N, C-alpha and C. Protein backbone atom coordinates (compact mmCIF):
# COMPACT_ATOMS: atom_id res chain seq x y z
N MET A 1 -14.69 -40.79 7.19
CA MET A 1 -15.92 -40.54 6.45
C MET A 1 -16.13 -39.04 6.34
N ALA A 2 -16.46 -38.55 5.17
CA ALA A 2 -16.65 -37.11 4.95
C ALA A 2 -17.95 -36.65 5.58
N GLU A 3 -17.92 -35.42 6.10
CA GLU A 3 -19.12 -34.82 6.65
C GLU A 3 -20.03 -34.40 5.52
N LYS A 4 -21.35 -34.48 5.73
CA LYS A 4 -22.30 -34.05 4.71
C LYS A 4 -22.30 -32.52 4.68
N PHE A 5 -22.27 -31.95 3.48
CA PHE A 5 -22.24 -30.49 3.32
C PHE A 5 -23.63 -29.92 3.57
N SER A 6 -23.72 -28.95 4.50
CA SER A 6 -25.01 -28.33 4.79
C SER A 6 -25.04 -26.86 4.40
N GLY A 7 -23.89 -26.24 4.22
CA GLY A 7 -23.86 -24.83 3.83
C GLY A 7 -22.55 -24.19 4.27
N LEU A 8 -22.31 -23.00 3.74
CA LEU A 8 -21.09 -22.27 4.09
C LEU A 8 -21.26 -21.59 5.42
N GLY A 9 -20.16 -21.45 6.15
CA GLY A 9 -20.22 -20.83 7.47
C GLY A 9 -18.97 -20.04 7.76
N GLN A 10 -18.00 -20.69 8.37
CA GLN A 10 -16.79 -20.02 8.84
C GLN A 10 -15.94 -19.50 7.70
N ILE A 11 -15.54 -18.25 7.82
CA ILE A 11 -14.58 -17.68 6.87
C ILE A 11 -13.19 -18.06 7.34
N GLY A 12 -12.42 -18.65 6.45
CA GLY A 12 -11.08 -19.09 6.80
C GLY A 12 -10.01 -18.13 6.34
N GLN A 13 -10.31 -17.34 5.30
CA GLN A 13 -9.31 -16.44 4.74
C GLN A 13 -9.99 -15.31 3.98
N VAL A 14 -9.39 -14.14 4.03
CA VAL A 14 -9.83 -13.00 3.25
C VAL A 14 -8.63 -12.51 2.45
N HIS A 15 -8.82 -12.32 1.15
CA HIS A 15 -7.76 -11.80 0.29
C HIS A 15 -8.01 -10.32 0.03
N ILE A 16 -6.97 -9.53 0.13
CA ILE A 16 -7.03 -8.11 -0.22
C ILE A 16 -5.98 -7.88 -1.30
N SER A 17 -6.45 -7.36 -2.46
CA SER A 17 -5.52 -7.02 -3.54
C SER A 17 -4.76 -5.75 -3.16
N VAL A 18 -3.45 -5.79 -3.37
CA VAL A 18 -2.60 -4.64 -3.08
C VAL A 18 -1.69 -4.38 -4.28
N LYS A 19 -1.17 -3.19 -4.36
CA LYS A 19 -0.26 -2.85 -5.46
C LYS A 19 1.19 -3.18 -5.11
N ASP A 20 1.56 -3.02 -3.82
CA ASP A 20 2.93 -3.26 -3.36
C ASP A 20 2.83 -4.12 -2.10
N VAL A 21 3.14 -5.42 -2.23
CA VAL A 21 2.96 -6.36 -1.12
C VAL A 21 3.84 -5.99 0.07
N GLU A 22 5.09 -5.65 -0.18
CA GLU A 22 6.01 -5.32 0.92
C GLU A 22 5.52 -4.09 1.70
N ARG A 23 5.12 -3.07 0.98
CA ARG A 23 4.61 -1.85 1.62
C ARG A 23 3.35 -2.16 2.42
N ALA A 24 2.43 -2.92 1.81
CA ALA A 24 1.18 -3.25 2.50
C ALA A 24 1.45 -4.10 3.73
N ALA A 25 2.35 -5.09 3.62
CA ALA A 25 2.67 -5.95 4.75
C ALA A 25 3.25 -5.15 5.91
N THR A 26 4.11 -4.21 5.60
CA THR A 26 4.67 -3.34 6.64
C THR A 26 3.57 -2.56 7.34
N PHE A 27 2.62 -2.05 6.57
CA PHE A 27 1.49 -1.31 7.15
C PHE A 27 0.66 -2.21 8.08
N TYR A 28 0.29 -3.39 7.59
CA TYR A 28 -0.56 -4.28 8.39
C TYR A 28 0.16 -4.75 9.65
N GLN A 29 1.46 -4.97 9.56
CA GLN A 29 2.22 -5.44 10.72
C GLN A 29 2.60 -4.30 11.66
N ASP A 30 3.25 -3.26 11.13
CA ASP A 30 3.81 -2.21 11.99
C ASP A 30 2.81 -1.14 12.40
N VAL A 31 1.91 -0.78 11.52
CA VAL A 31 0.94 0.27 11.83
C VAL A 31 -0.31 -0.31 12.49
N LEU A 32 -0.87 -1.37 11.89
CA LEU A 32 -2.10 -1.96 12.45
C LEU A 32 -1.82 -2.95 13.57
N GLY A 33 -0.56 -3.40 13.68
CA GLY A 33 -0.19 -4.31 14.76
C GLY A 33 -0.69 -5.73 14.60
N MET A 34 -0.95 -6.15 13.36
CA MET A 34 -1.42 -7.51 13.13
C MET A 34 -0.26 -8.50 13.19
N LYS A 35 -0.57 -9.71 13.63
CA LYS A 35 0.45 -10.75 13.75
C LYS A 35 0.76 -11.33 12.37
N HIS A 36 2.04 -11.22 11.96
CA HIS A 36 2.48 -11.79 10.69
C HIS A 36 2.60 -13.30 10.86
N LEU A 37 1.97 -14.06 9.96
CA LEU A 37 2.04 -15.52 10.03
C LEU A 37 3.17 -16.08 9.18
N PHE A 38 3.20 -15.72 7.89
CA PHE A 38 4.24 -16.18 6.98
C PHE A 38 4.14 -15.41 5.68
N SER A 39 5.19 -15.51 4.89
CA SER A 39 5.23 -14.85 3.58
C SER A 39 5.83 -15.80 2.55
N PHE A 40 5.44 -15.58 1.31
CA PHE A 40 6.03 -16.21 0.14
C PHE A 40 6.30 -15.07 -0.82
N PRO A 41 7.11 -15.27 -1.84
CA PRO A 41 7.33 -14.19 -2.81
C PRO A 41 6.00 -13.66 -3.36
N GLY A 42 5.77 -12.37 -3.16
CA GLY A 42 4.55 -11.74 -3.65
C GLY A 42 3.32 -11.94 -2.80
N MET A 43 3.48 -12.52 -1.61
CA MET A 43 2.34 -12.80 -0.73
C MET A 43 2.73 -12.61 0.73
N ALA A 44 1.77 -12.14 1.52
CA ALA A 44 1.98 -12.03 2.97
C ALA A 44 0.67 -12.44 3.66
N PHE A 45 0.80 -13.14 4.78
CA PHE A 45 -0.36 -13.65 5.50
C PHE A 45 -0.31 -13.18 6.95
N PHE A 46 -1.47 -12.76 7.48
CA PHE A 46 -1.59 -12.26 8.84
C PHE A 46 -2.76 -12.93 9.54
N ASP A 47 -2.71 -12.92 10.88
CA ASP A 47 -3.80 -13.44 11.69
C ASP A 47 -4.74 -12.30 12.02
N ALA A 48 -5.99 -12.44 11.61
CA ALA A 48 -7.02 -11.44 11.91
C ALA A 48 -8.03 -12.10 12.85
N GLY A 49 -7.60 -12.36 14.07
CA GLY A 49 -8.48 -12.97 15.06
C GLY A 49 -8.94 -14.37 14.69
N GLY A 50 -8.03 -15.16 14.12
CA GLY A 50 -8.37 -16.53 13.74
C GLY A 50 -8.74 -16.68 12.27
N VAL A 51 -8.94 -15.58 11.59
CA VAL A 51 -9.18 -15.59 10.14
C VAL A 51 -7.90 -15.13 9.48
N ARG A 52 -7.45 -15.86 8.47
CA ARG A 52 -6.21 -15.52 7.80
C ARG A 52 -6.46 -14.39 6.79
N LEU A 53 -5.65 -13.33 6.89
CA LEU A 53 -5.69 -12.22 5.95
C LEU A 53 -4.55 -12.41 4.96
N PHE A 54 -4.86 -12.42 3.67
CA PHE A 54 -3.92 -12.74 2.60
C PHE A 54 -3.76 -11.51 1.71
N LEU A 55 -2.53 -10.98 1.63
CA LEU A 55 -2.22 -9.82 0.79
C LEU A 55 -1.42 -10.28 -0.41
N SER A 56 -1.83 -9.85 -1.61
CA SER A 56 -1.06 -10.12 -2.82
C SER A 56 -1.55 -9.20 -3.92
N LYS A 57 -0.74 -9.11 -4.98
CA LYS A 57 -1.19 -8.40 -6.18
C LYS A 57 -2.27 -9.25 -6.83
N ALA A 58 -3.17 -8.59 -7.55
CA ALA A 58 -4.23 -9.30 -8.25
C ALA A 58 -3.63 -10.17 -9.35
N GLU A 59 -4.17 -11.36 -9.51
CA GLU A 59 -3.69 -12.26 -10.56
C GLU A 59 -4.10 -11.78 -11.95
N LYS A 60 -5.24 -11.09 -12.02
CA LYS A 60 -5.75 -10.58 -13.29
C LYS A 60 -6.21 -9.15 -13.08
N PRO A 61 -6.16 -8.31 -14.11
CA PRO A 61 -6.55 -6.90 -13.97
C PRO A 61 -7.97 -6.71 -13.42
N GLU A 62 -8.90 -7.59 -13.76
CA GLU A 62 -10.28 -7.41 -13.27
C GLU A 62 -10.41 -7.63 -11.78
N PHE A 63 -9.38 -8.19 -11.14
CA PHE A 63 -9.41 -8.39 -9.69
C PHE A 63 -8.57 -7.36 -8.94
N ASP A 64 -8.13 -6.30 -9.64
CA ASP A 64 -7.21 -5.32 -9.08
C ASP A 64 -7.72 -4.62 -7.82
N HIS A 65 -8.98 -4.37 -7.71
CA HIS A 65 -9.53 -3.67 -6.54
C HIS A 65 -10.64 -4.48 -5.90
N THR A 66 -10.38 -5.75 -5.68
CA THR A 66 -11.39 -6.60 -5.08
C THR A 66 -10.81 -7.33 -3.87
N SER A 67 -11.71 -7.86 -3.09
CA SER A 67 -11.35 -8.74 -1.98
C SER A 67 -12.08 -10.05 -2.22
N THR A 68 -11.53 -11.14 -1.70
CA THR A 68 -12.15 -12.45 -1.85
C THR A 68 -12.33 -13.08 -0.49
N LEU A 69 -13.53 -13.60 -0.22
CA LEU A 69 -13.80 -14.36 0.99
C LEU A 69 -13.59 -15.83 0.70
N TYR A 70 -12.84 -16.51 1.57
CA TYR A 70 -12.58 -17.92 1.44
C TYR A 70 -13.31 -18.63 2.58
N TYR A 71 -14.29 -19.46 2.25
CA TYR A 71 -15.05 -20.18 3.26
C TYR A 71 -14.39 -21.52 3.54
N ARG A 72 -14.15 -21.77 4.83
CA ARG A 72 -13.53 -23.03 5.26
C ARG A 72 -14.61 -24.11 5.25
N VAL A 73 -14.32 -25.23 4.59
CA VAL A 73 -15.23 -26.37 4.55
C VAL A 73 -14.43 -27.64 4.85
N PRO A 74 -15.09 -28.68 5.39
CA PRO A 74 -14.37 -29.91 5.70
C PRO A 74 -13.82 -30.60 4.44
N SER A 75 -14.58 -30.54 3.34
CA SER A 75 -14.17 -31.18 2.09
C SER A 75 -14.54 -30.28 0.92
N VAL A 76 -13.54 -29.80 0.19
CA VAL A 76 -13.82 -28.96 -0.98
C VAL A 76 -14.62 -29.75 -2.01
N GLN A 77 -14.31 -31.02 -2.18
CA GLN A 77 -15.02 -31.83 -3.17
C GLN A 77 -16.50 -31.96 -2.83
N ASP A 78 -16.83 -32.23 -1.56
CA ASP A 78 -18.23 -32.37 -1.16
C ASP A 78 -18.97 -31.04 -1.28
N ALA A 79 -18.34 -29.95 -0.82
CA ALA A 79 -18.97 -28.63 -0.92
C ALA A 79 -19.16 -28.23 -2.37
N HIS A 80 -18.17 -28.51 -3.21
CA HIS A 80 -18.26 -28.21 -4.64
C HIS A 80 -19.46 -28.93 -5.26
N ALA A 81 -19.59 -30.22 -5.00
CA ALA A 81 -20.69 -31.00 -5.55
C ALA A 81 -22.04 -30.47 -5.07
N ALA A 82 -22.14 -30.15 -3.78
CA ALA A 82 -23.40 -29.65 -3.24
C ALA A 82 -23.76 -28.28 -3.81
N LEU A 83 -22.78 -27.40 -3.93
CA LEU A 83 -23.04 -26.07 -4.47
C LEU A 83 -23.37 -26.13 -5.96
N LEU A 84 -22.72 -27.02 -6.70
CA LEU A 84 -23.07 -27.22 -8.11
C LEU A 84 -24.53 -27.63 -8.23
N ALA A 85 -24.96 -28.54 -7.36
CA ALA A 85 -26.35 -29.01 -7.38
C ALA A 85 -27.33 -27.88 -7.06
N ARG A 86 -26.85 -26.85 -6.36
CA ARG A 86 -27.69 -25.70 -6.02
C ARG A 86 -27.61 -24.59 -7.07
N GLY A 87 -26.90 -24.86 -8.16
CA GLY A 87 -26.84 -23.91 -9.26
C GLY A 87 -25.65 -22.97 -9.29
N VAL A 88 -24.68 -23.16 -8.38
CA VAL A 88 -23.50 -22.30 -8.37
C VAL A 88 -22.64 -22.63 -9.59
N LYS A 89 -22.19 -21.59 -10.27
CA LYS A 89 -21.30 -21.75 -11.43
C LYS A 89 -19.87 -21.47 -10.97
N PHE A 90 -19.03 -22.50 -11.02
CA PHE A 90 -17.66 -22.37 -10.56
C PHE A 90 -16.75 -21.86 -11.67
N ILE A 91 -15.74 -21.08 -11.27
CA ILE A 91 -14.72 -20.57 -12.19
C ILE A 91 -13.73 -21.68 -12.52
N ASP A 92 -13.50 -22.57 -11.56
CA ASP A 92 -12.55 -23.66 -11.74
C ASP A 92 -12.99 -24.88 -10.94
N GLN A 93 -12.31 -25.98 -11.13
CA GLN A 93 -12.56 -27.22 -10.40
C GLN A 93 -11.74 -27.18 -9.10
N PRO A 94 -12.14 -27.97 -8.10
CA PRO A 94 -11.31 -28.07 -6.89
C PRO A 94 -9.89 -28.49 -7.27
N HIS A 95 -8.92 -27.80 -6.66
CA HIS A 95 -7.52 -28.07 -6.97
C HIS A 95 -6.64 -27.69 -5.80
N ILE A 96 -5.44 -28.26 -5.76
CA ILE A 96 -4.46 -27.95 -4.72
C ILE A 96 -3.76 -26.66 -5.11
N VAL A 97 -3.75 -25.69 -4.19
CA VAL A 97 -3.05 -24.42 -4.44
C VAL A 97 -1.74 -24.33 -3.67
N HIS A 98 -1.60 -25.16 -2.64
CA HIS A 98 -0.36 -25.16 -1.85
C HIS A 98 -0.25 -26.50 -1.16
N GLU A 99 0.98 -26.95 -1.03
CA GLU A 99 1.25 -28.21 -0.34
C GLU A 99 2.53 -28.05 0.46
N ASP A 100 2.51 -28.50 1.71
CA ASP A 100 3.74 -28.52 2.50
C ASP A 100 3.81 -29.85 3.24
N ALA A 101 4.72 -29.96 4.17
CA ALA A 101 4.92 -31.23 4.87
C ALA A 101 3.70 -31.64 5.71
N ARG A 102 2.89 -30.65 6.11
CA ARG A 102 1.76 -30.92 7.00
C ARG A 102 0.44 -31.17 6.29
N HIS A 103 0.17 -30.41 5.20
CA HIS A 103 -1.15 -30.52 4.59
C HIS A 103 -1.17 -30.08 3.12
N GLU A 104 -2.30 -30.36 2.48
CA GLU A 104 -2.60 -29.85 1.15
C GLU A 104 -3.71 -28.83 1.30
N LEU A 105 -3.59 -27.69 0.62
CA LEU A 105 -4.63 -26.67 0.66
C LEU A 105 -5.40 -26.74 -0.65
N TRP A 106 -6.66 -27.14 -0.55
CA TRP A 106 -7.55 -27.28 -1.70
C TRP A 106 -8.48 -26.07 -1.79
N MET A 107 -8.74 -25.59 -3.01
CA MET A 107 -9.66 -24.47 -3.21
C MET A 107 -10.44 -24.65 -4.50
N ALA A 108 -11.56 -23.96 -4.57
CA ALA A 108 -12.35 -23.83 -5.80
C ALA A 108 -13.02 -22.46 -5.72
N PHE A 109 -13.05 -21.75 -6.84
CA PHE A 109 -13.54 -20.37 -6.88
C PHE A 109 -14.85 -20.28 -7.66
N PHE A 110 -15.72 -19.34 -7.21
CA PHE A 110 -16.99 -19.09 -7.88
C PHE A 110 -17.38 -17.63 -7.67
N ARG A 111 -18.45 -17.20 -8.31
CA ARG A 111 -18.93 -15.82 -8.17
C ARG A 111 -20.32 -15.82 -7.55
N ASP A 112 -20.60 -14.75 -6.80
CA ASP A 112 -21.96 -14.57 -6.31
C ASP A 112 -22.80 -13.90 -7.41
N THR A 113 -24.04 -13.56 -7.10
CA THR A 113 -24.92 -12.96 -8.10
C THR A 113 -24.49 -11.57 -8.54
N GLU A 114 -23.58 -10.94 -7.77
CA GLU A 114 -23.10 -9.58 -8.09
C GLU A 114 -21.74 -9.59 -8.76
N GLY A 115 -21.20 -10.77 -9.04
CA GLY A 115 -19.91 -10.88 -9.70
C GLY A 115 -18.72 -10.91 -8.77
N ASN A 116 -18.95 -10.89 -7.45
CA ASN A 116 -17.86 -10.98 -6.49
C ASN A 116 -17.29 -12.39 -6.47
N VAL A 117 -15.97 -12.50 -6.37
CA VAL A 117 -15.32 -13.81 -6.31
C VAL A 117 -15.34 -14.33 -4.88
N LEU A 118 -15.76 -15.57 -4.72
CA LEU A 118 -15.77 -16.27 -3.45
C LEU A 118 -15.02 -17.59 -3.66
N ALA A 119 -14.63 -18.23 -2.57
CA ALA A 119 -13.93 -19.50 -2.67
C ALA A 119 -14.29 -20.40 -1.52
N ILE A 120 -14.18 -21.70 -1.77
CA ILE A 120 -14.24 -22.68 -0.70
C ILE A 120 -12.82 -23.22 -0.54
N MET A 121 -12.44 -23.51 0.69
CA MET A 121 -11.08 -23.96 0.97
C MET A 121 -11.09 -25.05 2.04
N SER A 122 -10.15 -25.98 1.91
CA SER A 122 -10.01 -27.03 2.89
C SER A 122 -8.54 -27.40 3.03
N GLU A 123 -8.06 -27.42 4.26
CA GLU A 123 -6.70 -27.85 4.55
C GLU A 123 -6.76 -29.33 4.95
N VAL A 124 -6.23 -30.16 4.07
CA VAL A 124 -6.30 -31.62 4.26
C VAL A 124 -4.97 -32.10 4.82
N PRO A 125 -4.98 -32.61 6.07
CA PRO A 125 -3.73 -33.11 6.66
C PRO A 125 -3.16 -34.26 5.85
N LYS A 126 -1.83 -34.29 5.77
CA LYS A 126 -1.16 -35.41 5.11
C LYS A 126 -1.08 -36.57 6.09
N LYS A 127 -1.14 -37.76 5.53
CA LYS A 127 -1.08 -38.95 6.40
C LYS A 127 0.33 -39.39 6.63
C-alpha cells in the first residue's frame, strides 16, 4: 500500500552542471576526497554524506549554470498527484530515467516560483 504524500523532505540527489565531467569528477574525488559511487558516459555520482551528488553537462543551454535538488519520495506518482493538486506546474510526467537489475528510478521535474528546477525521485525495487 502506498504511503500518503504529506510533503517533501529528504533530499536524495543534487545535480551540479559541469563543463567537463572527467575533470570535475577528478576534482570531487581526488581534491575534495568524496567517495565515488559510479559513473556512466557523461555522468559521475558521489556520496555526499548519504545524499547523492550527480555531475553532468547540462541537457539544455538554459541549465548550463544551475543545480537541481532531487527530493526522495516513496512514490513519484503519489507525490506528483498531490503537488499537482497544490498548484505545482510540472515540466514532465513521472517517468523512468534509469533501470537496472535492482530497481527502477522514477523522476518528475518542476520549477519553483523563482524558475529553479526541482525534482521528485523514487527508487522502486524490482520484484
